[in-house]
PDB file of N, CA and C in Angstrom:
ATOM      1  N   MET A   1      36.085 -42.471   1.499  1.00  0.00           N
ATOM      2  CA  MET A   1      37.292 -43.293   2.135  1.00  0.00           C
ATOM      3  C   MET A   1      36.503 -43.946   2.979  1.00  0.00           C
ATOM      4  N   THR A   2      37.121 -45.140   2.871  1.00  0.00           N
ATOM      5  CA  THR A   2      36.899 -46.492   3.778  1.00  0.00           C
ATOM      6  C   THR A   2      37.382 -46.388   5.306  1.00  0.00           C
ATOM      7  N   ASP A   3      36.482 -46.284   6.375  1.00  0.00           N
ATOM      8  CA  ASP A   3      37.239 -46.391   7.514  1.00  0.00           C
ATOM      9  C   ASP A   3      38.035 -47.771   7.545  1.00  0.00           C
ATOM     10  N   ILE A   4      39.102 -47.617   8.549  1.00  0.00           N
ATOM     11  CA  ILE A   4      39.571 -48.847   8.923  1.00  0.00           C
ATOM     12  C   ILE A   4      38.804 -49.165  10.122  1.00  0.00           C
ATOM     13  N   GLN A   5      38.340 -50.344  10.289  1.00  0.00           N
ATOM     14  CA  GLN A   5      37.655 -50.864  11.845  1.00  0.00           C
ATOM     15  C   GLN A   5      38.645 -51.867  12.293  1.00  0.00           C
ATOM     16  N   HIS A   6      38.617 -51.858  13.525  1.00  0.00           N
ATOM     17  CA  HIS A   6      39.485 -52.948  14.568  1.00  0.00           C
ATOM     18  C   HIS A   6      38.909 -53.859  14.516  1.00  0.00           C
ATOM     19  N   VAL A   7      39.446 -54.911  14.189  1.00  0.00           N
ATOM     20  CA  VAL A   7      39.065 -56.161  14.085  1.00  0.00           C
ATOM     21  C   VAL A   7      39.798 -57.169  15.653  1.00  0.00           C
ATOM     22  N   SER A   8      38.977 -57.490  16.492  1.00  0.00           N
ATOM     23  CA  SER A   8      39.368 -58.220  17.565  1.00  0.00           C
ATOM     24  C   SER A   8      40.327 -59.499  17.227  1.00  0.00           C
ATOM     25  N   LYS A   9      41.353 -60.020  17.493  1.00  0.00           N
ATOM     26  CA  LYS A   9      41.907 -61.524  17.678  1.00  0.00           C
ATOM     27  C   LYS A   9      40.973 -62.375  17.941  1.00  0.00           C
ATOM     28  N   ASN A  10      40.844 -63.446  17.294  1.00  0.00           N
ATOM     29  CA  ASN A  10      40.084 -64.810  17.437  1.00  0.00           C
ATOM     30  C   ASN A  10      40.788 -65.470  18.603  1.00  0.00           C
ATOM     31  N   LYS A  11      40.194 -65.855  19.537  1.00  0.00           N
ATOM     32  CA  LYS A  11      41.353 -66.300  20.740  1.00  0.00           C
ATOM     33  C   LYS A  11      41.959 -67.641  20.194  1.00  0.00           C
ATOM     34  N   ASN A  12      41.568 -68.269  19.193  1.00  0.00           N
ATOM     35  CA  ASN A  12      42.519 -69.202  18.490  1.00  0.00           C
ATOM     36  C   ASN A  12      43.410 -68.899  17.508  1.00  0.00           C
ATOM     37  N   SER A  13      43.597 -67.532  17.169  1.00  0.00           N
ATOM     38  CA  SER A  13      44.292 -66.866  16.513  1.00  0.00           C
ATOM     39  C   SER A  13      45.699 -66.963  16.818  1.00  0.00           C
ATOM     40  N   ARG A  14      46.990 -67.391  16.026  1.00  0.00           N
ATOM     41  CA  ARG A  14      48.136 -67.527  16.438  1.00  0.00           C
ATOM     42  C   ARG A  14      48.647 -65.972  16.086  1.00  0.00           C
ATOM     43  N   ASP A  15      49.816 -65.313  16.999  1.00  0.00           N
ATOM     44  CA  ASP A  15      50.095 -64.076  16.909  1.00  0.00           C
ATOM     45  C   ASP A  15      51.094 -63.944  15.295  1.00  0.00           C
ATOM     46  N   TRP A  16      51.608 -64.968  15.232  1.00  0.00           N
ATOM     47  CA  TRP A  16      52.247 -64.910  13.930  1.00  0.00           C
ATOM     48  C   TRP A  16      51.485 -64.827  12.367  1.00  0.00           C
ATOM     49  N   ASP A  17      50.246 -65.172  12.598  1.00  0.00           N
ATOM     50  CA  ASP A  17      49.100 -64.931  11.453  1.00  0.00           C
ATOM     51  C   ASP A  17      49.091 -63.281  11.057  1.00  0.00           C
ATOM     52  N   HIS A  18      49.598 -62.758  11.910  1.00  0.00           N
ATOM     53  CA  HIS A  18      49.314 -61.071  11.834  1.00  0.00           C
ATOM     54  C   HIS A  18      50.313 -60.277  11.629  1.00  0.00           C
ATOM     55  N   LYS A  19      51.537 -61.120  11.406  1.00  0.00           N
ATOM     56  CA  LYS A  19      52.712 -60.300  11.447  1.00  0.00           C
ATOM     57  C   LYS A  19      53.049 -60.099  10.052  1.00  0.00           C
ATOM     58  N   VAL A  20      54.149 -59.086   9.456  1.00  0.00           N
ATOM     59  CA  VAL A  20      54.874 -58.762   8.169  1.00  0.00           C
ATOM     60  C   VAL A  20      55.755 -59.616   8.349  1.00  0.00           C
ATOM     61  N   VAL A  21      56.018 -60.580   7.132  1.00  0.00           N
ATOM     62  CA  VAL A  21      56.739 -61.716   6.871  1.00  0.00           C
ATOM     63  C   VAL A  21      57.940 -60.862   6.199  1.00  0.00           C
ATOM     64  N   TRP A  22      59.041 -60.837   6.913  1.00  0.00           N
ATOM     65  CA  TRP A  22      60.320 -60.361   6.396  1.00  0.00           C
ATOM     66  C   TRP A  22      61.083 -61.463   5.678  1.00  0.00           C
ATOM     67  N   ASN A  23      61.184 -61.054   4.402  1.00  0.00           N
ATOM     68  CA  ASN A  23      62.067 -62.257   3.516  1.00  0.00           C
ATOM     69  C   ASN A  23      63.554 -61.630   3.138  1.00  0.00           C
ATOM     70  N   GLY A  24      63.976 -60.772   3.929  1.00  0.00           N
ATOM     71  CA  GLY A  24      65.621 -60.677   3.914  1.00  0.00           C
ATOM     72  C   GLY A  24      66.279 -61.531   4.818  1.00  0.00           C
ATOM     73  N   THR A  25      67.673 -60.764   5.407  1.00  0.00           N
ATOM     74  CA  THR A  25      68.404 -61.604   6.172  1.00  0.00           C
ATOM     75  C   THR A  25      68.331 -60.701   7.353  1.00  0.00           C
ATOM     76  N   GLN A  26      68.758 -61.306   8.578  1.00  0.00           N
ATOM     77  CA  GLN A  26      68.502 -60.541   9.979  1.00  0.00           C
ATOM     78  C   GLN A  26      69.571 -59.352   9.725  1.00  0.00           C
ATOM     79  N   GLN A  27      70.641 -59.706   9.038  1.00  0.00           N
ATOM     80  CA  GLN A  27      71.659 -58.337   9.172  1.00  0.00           C
ATOM     81  C   GLN A  27      70.934 -57.202   8.349  1.00  0.00           C
ATOM     82  N   GLN A  28      70.203 -57.605   7.098  1.00  0.00           N
ATOM     83  CA  GLN A  28      69.111 -56.731   6.704  1.00  0.00           C
ATOM     84  C   GLN A  28      68.156 -56.061   7.122  1.00  0.00           C
ATOM     85  N   LEU A  29      67.662 -56.785   7.952  1.00  0.00           N
ATOM     86  CA  LEU A  29      66.450 -55.920   8.805  1.00  0.00           C
ATOM     87  C   LEU A  29      67.245 -55.365  10.170  1.00  0.00           C
ATOM     88  N   CYS A  30      68.262 -55.429  10.518  1.00  0.00           N
ATOM     89  CA  CYS A  30      68.927 -54.580  11.274  1.00  0.00           C
ATOM     90  C   CYS A  30      69.364 -53.700  10.645  1.00  0.00           C
ATOM     91  N   GLU A  31      69.476 -53.424   9.551  1.00  0.00           N
ATOM     92  CA  GLU A  31      70.200 -52.289   8.635  1.00  0.00           C
ATOM     93  C   GLU A  31      69.431 -51.665   8.397  1.00  0.00           C
ATOM     94  N   LEU A  32      67.863 -51.997   8.297  1.00  0.00           N
ATOM     95  CA  LEU A  32      66.799 -50.845   7.906  1.00  0.00           C
ATOM     96  C   LEU A  32      66.739 -50.235   9.066  1.00  0.00           C
ATOM     97  N   PHE A  33      66.729 -50.789  10.208  1.00  0.00           N
ATOM     98  CA  PHE A  33      66.341 -50.175  11.715  1.00  0.00           C
ATOM     99  C   PHE A  33      67.503 -48.941  12.120  1.00  0.00           C
ATOM    100  N   ILE A  34      68.643 -49.562  11.647  1.00  0.00           N
ATOM    101  CA  ILE A  34      69.943 -48.554  11.613  1.00  0.00           C
ATOM    102  C   ILE A  34      69.767 -47.311  11.164  1.00  0.00           C
ATOM    103  N   LYS A  35      69.208 -47.733   9.401  1.00  0.00           N
ATOM    104  CA  LYS A  35      69.145 -46.448   8.954  1.00  0.00           C
ATOM    105  C   LYS A  35      67.947 -45.671   9.393  1.00  0.00           C
ATOM    106  N   LEU A  36      66.934 -46.308   9.784  1.00  0.00           N
ATOM    107  CA  LEU A  36      65.776 -45.303  10.348  1.00  0.00           C
ATOM    108  C   LEU A  36      66.141 -44.631  11.408  1.00  0.00           C
ATOM    109  N   GLU A  37      66.754 -45.039  12.486  1.00  0.00           N
ATOM    110  CA  GLU A  37      67.287 -44.396  13.609  1.00  0.00           C
ATOM    111  C   GLU A  37      68.318 -43.183  13.437  1.00  0.00           C
ATOM    112  N   GLU A  38      69.179 -43.318  12.280  1.00  0.00           N
ATOM    113  CA  GLU A  38      70.283 -42.493  11.937  1.00  0.00           C
ATOM    114  C   GLU A  38      69.222 -41.339  10.996  1.00  0.00           C
ATOM    115  N   SER A  39      68.367 -41.500  10.691  1.00  0.00           N
ATOM    116  CA  SER A  39      67.959 -40.597   9.865  1.00  0.00           C
ATOM    117  C   SER A  39      66.516 -39.738  10.801  1.00  0.00           C
ATOM    118  N   GLY A  40      66.826 -40.341  11.861  1.00  0.00           N
ATOM    119  CA  GLY A  40      65.349 -39.736  12.795  1.00  0.00           C
ATOM    120  C   GLY A  40      63.912 -39.869  12.551  1.00  0.00           C
ATOM    121  N   TRP A  41      63.845 -41.462  11.806  1.00  0.00           N
ATOM    122  CA  TRP A  41      62.424 -41.582  11.807  1.00  0.00           C
ATOM    123  C   TRP A  41      61.857 -42.382  12.741  1.00  0.00           C
ATOM    124  N   ILE A  42      62.930 -43.232  13.802  1.00  0.00           N
ATOM    125  CA  ILE A  42      62.357 -43.673  14.830  1.00  0.00           C
ATOM    126  C   ILE A  42      63.149 -43.534  15.994  1.00  0.00           C
ATOM    127  N   GLU A  43      62.831 -43.667  17.085  1.00  0.00           N
ATOM    128  CA  GLU A  43      63.459 -43.402  18.701  1.00  0.00           C
ATOM    129  C   GLU A  43      64.854 -43.952  18.636  1.00  0.00           C
ATOM    130  N   ALA A  44      65.946 -43.353  19.186  1.00  0.00           N
ATOM    131  CA  ALA A  44      67.383 -43.918  19.349  1.00  0.00           C
ATOM    132  C   ALA A  44      66.708 -45.392  20.060  1.00  0.00           C
ATOM    133  N   PHE A  45      67.228 -46.299  19.724  1.00  0.00           N
ATOM    134  CA  PHE A  45      67.047 -47.276  20.235  1.00  0.00           C
ATOM    135  C   PHE A  45      68.237 -47.954  21.472  1.00  0.00           C
ATOM    136  N   GLU A  46      68.987 -47.038  21.438  1.00  0.00           N
ATOM    137  CA  GLU A  46      70.118 -47.288  22.489  1.00  0.00           C
ATOM    138  C   GLU A  46      69.599 -46.560  23.999  1.00  0.00           C
ATOM    139  N   ALA A  47      68.392 -45.538  23.675  1.00  0.00           N
ATOM    140  CA  ALA A  47      67.617 -44.936  25.057  1.00  0.00           C
ATOM    141  C   ALA A  47      67.002 -46.213  25.656  1.00  0.00           C
ATOM    142  N   ILE A  48      66.598 -47.077  25.027  1.00  0.00           N
ATOM    143  CA  ILE A  48      65.806 -48.341  25.546  1.00  0.00           C
ATOM    144  C   ILE A  48      66.317 -49.411  25.716  1.00  0.00           C
ATOM    145  N   LYS A  49      65.985 -50.461  26.345  1.00  0.00           N
ATOM    146  CA  LYS A  49      66.507 -51.905  26.504  1.00  0.00           C
ATOM    147  C   LYS A  49      66.433 -52.490  25.243  1.00  0.00           C
ATOM    148  N   LYS A  50      67.615 -52.943  24.789  1.00  0.00           N
ATOM    149  CA  LYS A  50      67.942 -53.886  23.689  1.00  0.00           C
ATOM    150  C   LYS A  50      66.806 -55.018  23.712  1.00  0.00           C
ATOM    151  N   LYS A  51      66.707 -55.600  24.596  1.00  0.00           N
ATOM    152  CA  LYS A  51      66.127 -56.917  24.185  1.00  0.00           C
ATOM    153  C   LYS A  51      64.739 -56.529  24.526  1.00  0.00           C
ATOM    154  N   GLN A  52      63.988 -55.460  25.132  1.00  0.00           N
ATOM    155  CA  GLN A  52      62.573 -55.162  24.690  1.00  0.00           C
ATOM    156  C   GLN A  52      62.358 -54.377  23.162  1.00  0.00           C
ATOM    157  N   TYR A  53      63.709 -53.817  22.867  1.00  0.00           N
ATOM    158  CA  TYR A  53      63.467 -53.457  21.345  1.00  0.00           C
ATOM    159  C   TYR A  53      63.375 -54.694  20.261  1.00  0.00           C
ATOM    160  N   ILE A  54      63.997 -55.226  20.482  1.00  0.00           N
ATOM    161  CA  ILE A  54      64.181 -56.577  19.661  1.00  0.00           C
ATOM    162  C   ILE A  54      63.051 -57.351  19.569  1.00  0.00           C
ATOM    163  N   ASN A  55      62.115 -57.555  20.862  1.00  0.00           N
ATOM    164  CA  ASN A  55      61.189 -58.131  21.096  1.00  0.00           C
ATOM    165  C   ASN A  55      59.943 -57.370  20.299  1.00  0.00           C
ATOM    166  N   SER A  56      59.996 -56.018  20.413  1.00  0.00           N
ATOM    167  CA  SER A  56      58.872 -55.356  20.079  1.00  0.00           C
ATOM    168  C   SER A  56      59.199 -55.619  18.300  1.00  0.00           C
ATOM    169  N   ILE A  57      60.144 -55.521  17.713  1.00  0.00           N
ATOM    170  CA  ILE A  57      60.577 -55.615  16.379  1.00  0.00           C
ATOM    171  C   ILE A  57      60.042 -57.181  15.932  1.00  0.00           C
ATOM    172  N   CYS A  58      60.249 -57.842  16.827  1.00  0.00           N
ATOM    173  CA  CYS A  58      59.860 -59.576  16.298  1.00  0.00           C
ATOM    174  C   CYS A  58      58.089 -59.650  16.825  1.00  0.00           C
ATOM    175  N   LYS A  59      57.641 -58.744  17.217  1.00  0.00           N
ATOM    176  CA  LYS A  59      56.121 -58.891  17.380  1.00  0.00           C
ATOM    177  C   LYS A  59      55.230 -58.380  16.098  1.00  0.00           C
ATOM    178  N   LEU A  60      56.304 -57.475  15.495  1.00  0.00           N
ATOM    179  CA  LEU A  60      56.021 -56.887  13.880  1.00  0.00           C
ATOM    180  C   LEU A  60      56.057 -57.418  12.833  1.00  0.00           C
ATOM    181  N   PHE A  61      57.289 -58.152  13.042  1.00  0.00           N
ATOM    182  CA  PHE A  61      57.860 -58.740  11.722  1.00  0.00           C
ATOM    183  C   PHE A  61      57.887 -60.696  12.124  1.00  0.00           C
ATOM    184  N   ASP A  62      57.555 -61.309  11.271  1.00  0.00           N
ATOM    185  CA  ASP A  62      57.595 -62.797  11.094  1.00  0.00           C
ATOM    186  C   ASP A  62      59.371 -62.827  10.702  1.00  0.00           C
ATOM    187  N   ILE A  63      60.299 -63.276  11.169  1.00  0.00           N
ATOM    188  CA  ILE A  63      61.487 -63.795  10.932  1.00  0.00           C
ATOM    189  C   ILE A  63      61.918 -64.641  10.871  1.00  0.00           C
ATOM    190  N   SER A  64      60.968 -65.993  10.915  1.00  0.00           N
ATOM    191  CA  SER A  64      61.102 -67.262  10.643  1.00  0.00           C
ATOM    192  C   SER A  64      62.251 -67.738   9.527  1.00  0.00           C
ATOM    193  N   LYS A  65      61.840 -66.643   8.607  1.00  0.00           N
ATOM    194  CA  LYS A  65      62.862 -67.284   7.311  1.00  0.00           C
ATOM    195  C   LYS A  65      64.138 -66.819   7.358  1.00  0.00           C
ATOM    196  N   THR A  66      64.701 -66.646   8.092  1.00  0.00           N
ATOM    197  CA  THR A  66      65.694 -65.882   8.588  1.00  0.00           C
ATOM    198  C   THR A  66      66.760 -67.329   9.296  1.00  0.00           C
ATOM    199  N   LYS A  67      66.256 -68.150   9.724  1.00  0.00           N
ATOM    200  CA  LYS A  67      66.716 -69.432  10.613  1.00  0.00           C
ATOM    201  C   LYS A  67      67.504 -70.054   9.685  1.00  0.00           C
ATOM    202  N   ARG A  68      68.635 -70.745  10.352  1.00  0.00           N
ATOM    203  CA  ARG A  68      69.691 -71.206   9.449  1.00  0.00           C
ATOM    204  C   ARG A  68      69.602 -72.636   9.682  1.00  0.00           C
ATOM    205  N   ASN A  69      68.944 -73.168  11.110  1.00  0.00           N
ATOM    206  CA  ASN A  69      68.480 -74.187  11.071  1.00  0.00           C
ATOM    207  C   ASN A  69      67.330 -74.493  11.845  1.00  0.00           C
ATOM    208  N   SER A  70      66.467 -75.495  11.988  1.00  0.00           N
ATOM    209  CA  SER A  70      65.168 -75.732  12.476  1.00  0.00           C
ATOM    210  C   SER A  70      65.349 -75.602  14.091  1.00  0.00           C
ATOM    211  N   ARG A  71      66.440 -75.816  14.800  1.00  0.00           N
ATOM    212  CA  ARG A  71      66.673 -75.670  16.175  1.00  0.00           C
ATOM    213  C   ARG A  71      67.120 -74.429  16.433  1.00  0.00           C
ATOM    214  N   SER A  72      67.445 -73.440  15.416  1.00  0.00           N
ATOM    215  CA  SER A  72      68.026 -72.178  15.884  1.00  0.00           C
ATOM    216  C   SER A  72      67.033 -70.939  16.664  1.00  0.00           C
ATOM    217  N   ASP A  73      67.266 -70.457  17.131  1.00  0.00           N
ATOM    218  CA  ASP A  73      65.963 -69.636  18.014  1.00  0.00           C
ATOM    219  C   ASP A  73      66.621 -68.247  17.072  1.00  0.00           C
ATOM    220  N   GLU A  74      65.612 -67.821  16.496  1.00  0.00           N
ATOM    221  CA  GLU A  74      66.008 -66.615  15.076  1.00  0.00           C
ATOM    222  C   GLU A  74      65.800 -65.335  16.040  1.00  0.00           C
ATOM    223  N   VAL A  75      65.005 -65.195  17.030  1.00  0.00           N
ATOM    224  CA  VAL A  75      64.868 -63.769  17.895  1.00  0.00           C
ATOM    225  C   VAL A  75      66.258 -63.498  18.585  1.00  0.00           C
ATOM    226  N   ASN A  76      66.777 -64.438  19.549  1.00  0.00           N
ATOM    227  CA  ASN A  76      67.879 -64.354  19.962  1.00  0.00           C
ATOM    228  C   ASN A  76      69.273 -64.451  19.021  1.00  0.00           C
ATOM    229  N   SER A  77      69.380 -65.019  18.029  1.00  0.00           N
ATOM    230  CA  SER A  77      70.354 -64.929  17.140  1.00  0.00           C
ATOM    231  C   SER A  77      70.084 -63.054  16.588  1.00  0.00           C
ATOM    232  N   PHE A  78      68.852 -62.509  16.259  1.00  0.00           N
ATOM    233  CA  PHE A  78      68.496 -61.354  15.632  1.00  0.00           C
ATOM    234  C   PHE A  78      69.265 -60.421  16.989  1.00  0.00           C
ATOM    235  N   TYR A  79      68.876 -60.721  18.181  1.00  0.00           N
ATOM    236  CA  TYR A  79      69.511 -59.885  19.284  1.00  0.00           C
ATOM    237  C   TYR A  79      70.879 -59.539  19.047  1.00  0.00           C
ATOM    238  N   GLN A  80      71.354 -60.607  18.905  1.00  0.00           N
ATOM    239  CA  GLN A  80      73.052 -60.825  18.757  1.00  0.00           C
ATOM    240  C   GLN A  80      73.788 -60.148  17.586  1.00  0.00           C
ATOM    241  N   THR A  81      73.125 -59.980  16.641  1.00  0.00           N
ATOM    242  CA  THR A  81      73.287 -58.913  15.204  1.00  0.00           C
ATOM    243  C   THR A  81      73.044 -57.901  15.643  1.00  0.00           C
ATOM    244  N   PHE A  82      72.035 -57.407  16.052  1.00  0.00           N
ATOM    245  CA  PHE A  82      71.537 -56.295  16.337  1.00  0.00           C
ATOM    246  C   PHE A  82      72.216 -55.339  17.713  1.00  0.00           C
ATOM    247  N   LYS A  83      72.778 -55.863  18.394  1.00  0.00           N
ATOM    248  CA  LYS A  83      73.454 -55.387  19.650  1.00  0.00           C
ATOM    249  C   LYS A  83      74.526 -55.127  19.002  1.00  0.00           C
ATOM    250  N   GLY A  84      75.072 -55.300  18.324  1.00  0.00           N
ATOM    251  CA  GLY A  84      76.417 -54.645  17.606  1.00  0.00           C
ATOM    252  C   GLY A  84      77.680 -55.051  18.720  1.00  0.00           C
ATOM    253  N   GLU A  85      78.709 -54.055  18.605  1.00  0.00           N
ATOM    254  CA  GLU A  85      79.825 -53.950  19.315  1.00  0.00           C
ATOM    255  C   GLU A  85      80.298 -52.787  19.636  1.00  0.00           C
ATOM    256  N   ILE A  86      80.734 -52.370  20.540  1.00  0.00           N
ATOM    257  CA  ILE A  86      81.831 -51.163  21.227  1.00  0.00           C
ATOM    258  C   ILE A  86      83.113 -51.456  20.784  1.00  0.00           C
ATOM    259  N   ILE A  87      83.382 -50.659  19.861  1.00  0.00           N
ATOM    260  CA  ILE A  87      85.174 -50.802  19.725  1.00  0.00           C
ATOM    261  C   ILE A  87      85.718 -48.980  19.754  1.00  0.00           C
ATOM    262  N   GLU A  88      86.406 -49.220  20.631  1.00  0.00           N
ATOM    263  CA  GLU A  88      86.961 -47.856  20.796  1.00  0.00           C
ATOM    264  C   GLU A  88      86.219 -46.580  21.561  1.00  0.00           C
ATOM    265  N   GLY A  89      85.212 -47.168  21.962  1.00  0.00           N
ATOM    266  CA  GLY A  89      83.829 -46.214  22.315  1.00  0.00           C
ATOM    267  C   GLY A  89      83.070 -46.084  21.481  1.00  0.00           C
ATOM    268  N   GLN A  90      83.219 -46.533  20.274  1.00  0.00           N
ATOM    269  CA  GLN A  90      82.147 -46.324  19.334  1.00  0.00           C
ATOM    270  C   GLN A  90      81.485 -47.529  19.052  1.00  0.00           C
ATOM    271  N   LYS A  91      79.983 -47.721  18.876  1.00  0.00           N
ATOM    272  CA  LYS A  91      79.087 -48.527  18.351  1.00  0.00           C
ATOM    273  C   LYS A  91      79.213 -49.172  16.959  1.00  0.00           C
ATOM    274  N   THR A  92      79.354 -50.170  16.721  1.00  0.00           N
ATOM    275  CA  THR A  92      79.568 -50.903  15.296  1.00  0.00           C
ATOM    276  C   THR A  92      78.962 -51.977  15.323  1.00  0.00           C
ATOM    277  N   TYR A  93      78.811 -52.096  13.974  1.00  0.00           N
ATOM    278  CA  TYR A  93      77.739 -53.354  13.749  1.00  0.00           C
ATOM    279  C   TYR A  93      79.090 -53.906  12.332  1.00  0.00           C
ATOM    280  N   PRO A  94      79.897 -55.010  12.981  1.00  0.00           N
ATOM    281  CA  PRO A  94      80.645 -55.912  12.439  1.00  0.00           C
ATOM    282  C   PRO A  94      80.022 -56.122  10.942  1.00  0.00           C
ATOM    283  N   PHE A  95      79.326 -56.644  10.589  1.00  0.00           N
ATOM    284  CA  PHE A  95      78.336 -57.317   9.576  1.00  0.00           C
ATOM    285  C   PHE A  95      78.619 -56.293   8.315  1.00  0.00           C
ATOM    286  N   LEU A  96      78.230 -54.693   8.935  1.00  0.00           N
ATOM    287  CA  LEU A  96      77.981 -54.147   7.615  1.00  0.00           C
ATOM    288  C   LEU A  96      79.605 -53.613   6.915  1.00  0.00           C
ATOM    289  N   GLU A  97      80.612 -54.269   7.596  1.00  0.00           N
ATOM    290  CA  GLU A  97      81.854 -53.950   7.118  1.00  0.00           C
ATOM    291  C   GLU A  97      82.426 -54.796   6.551  1.00  0.00           C
ATOM    292  N   ARG A  98      81.755 -56.312   6.675  1.00  0.00           N
ATOM    293  CA  ARG A  98      82.422 -57.659   5.885  1.00  0.00           C
ATOM    294  C   ARG A  98      82.383 -57.280   4.525  1.00  0.00           C
ATOM    295  N   PRO A  99      83.265 -57.719   3.812  1.00  0.00           N
ATOM    296  CA  PRO A  99      83.368 -57.323   2.306  1.00  0.00           C
ATOM    297  C   PRO A  99      82.394 -58.016   1.451  1.00  0.00           C
ATOM    298  N   ASN A 100      82.011 -59.347   2.079  1.00  0.00           N
ATOM    299  CA  ASN A 100      80.885 -59.890   1.274  1.00  0.00           C
ATOM    300  C   ASN A 100      79.431 -59.557   1.763  1.00  0.00           C
ATOM    301  N   TYR A 101      79.520 -58.629   2.615  1.00  0.00           N
ATOM    302  CA  TYR A 101      78.182 -58.054   2.879  1.00  0.00           C
ATOM    303  C   TYR A 101      77.595 -56.963   2.057  1.00  0.00           C
ATOM    304  N   ARG A 102      76.440 -57.136   1.136  1.00  0.00           N
ATOM    305  CA  ARG A 102      75.851 -56.185   0.047  1.00  0.00           C
ATOM    306  C   ARG A 102      74.984 -55.265   0.943  1.00  0.00           C
ATOM    307  N   LYS A 103      75.305 -53.983   1.105  1.00  0.00           N
ATOM    308  CA  LYS A 103      74.049 -53.167   1.829  1.00  0.00           C
ATOM    309  C   LYS A 103      73.009 -52.909   0.988  1.00  0.00           C
ATOM    310  N   VAL A 104      71.946 -53.079   1.392  1.00  0.00           N
ATOM    311  CA  VAL A 104      70.568 -52.981   0.901  1.00  0.00           C
ATOM    312  C   VAL A 104      69.854 -51.728   0.651  1.00  0.00           C
ATOM    313  N   ILE A 105      70.429 -50.759   1.895  1.00  0.00           N
ATOM    314  CA  ILE A 105      69.550 -49.561   1.891  1.00  0.00           C
ATOM    315  C   ILE A 105      70.676 -48.403   2.100  1.00  0.00           C
ATOM    316  N   GLU A 106      70.872 -47.809   0.612  1.00  0.00           N
ATOM    317  CA  GLU A 106      72.036 -46.615   0.443  1.00  0.00           C
ATOM    318  C   GLU A 106      71.626 -45.484   1.416  1.00  0.00           C
ATOM    319  N   LYS A 107      70.274 -45.228   1.217  1.00  0.00           N
ATOM    320  CA  LYS A 107      70.149 -43.672   1.870  1.00  0.00           C
ATOM    321  C   LYS A 107      68.688 -43.854   2.202  1.00  0.00           C
ATOM    322  N   ILE A 108      68.160 -43.240   3.268  1.00  0.00           N
ATOM    323  CA  ILE A 108      66.866 -42.901   4.112  1.00  0.00           C
ATOM    324  C   ILE A 108      67.062 -41.575   3.994  1.00  0.00           C
ATOM    325  N   ASN A 109      65.813 -41.018   3.772  1.00  0.00           N
ATOM    326  CA  ASN A 109      66.306 -38.976   3.654  1.00  0.00           C
ATOM    327  C   ASN A 109      66.054 -38.596   5.424  1.00  0.00           C
ATOM    328  N   LYS A 110      65.981 -38.016   5.382  1.00  0.00           N
ATOM    329  CA  LYS A 110      66.297 -37.521   7.218  1.00  0.00           C
ATOM    330  C   LYS A 110      64.643 -36.935   7.336  1.00  0.00           C
ATOM    331  N   ASN A 111      64.504 -37.315   8.866  1.00  0.00           N
ATOM    332  CA  ASN A 111      62.806 -36.896   9.032  1.00  0.00           C
ATOM    333  C   ASN A 111      63.384 -35.364   9.323  1.00  0.00           C
ATOM    334  N   ASN A 112      62.786 -34.345   8.885  1.00  0.00           N
ATOM    335  CA  ASN A 112      62.896 -33.235   9.202  1.00  0.00           C
ATOM    336  C   ASN A 112      61.798 -32.462  10.126  1.00  0.00           C
TER     337      ASN A 112
END
């Protein structure tokens, strides 16, 4: 088995050079994290500050392909999608209920 060695970043290296490129939409990335949280694979994101949570996700994923135009701020846009809405005391994500939205994640097994 080969050991994985930590390689420190070159000072001239840009952060996005080391991110996972997300090829889906912002809604699909949001759906993934909702399903991971619901299944117990990740900590409940309601327990921590939403902005910090989104910033952490965006440090891991390059979501620049989700931009609708060159002047949009994809991180802020993702935050707006991810924060959802409270309707009658329940947290909801309206995009999941839109007739034209095709869910991409049907099931993630529970973390026992």
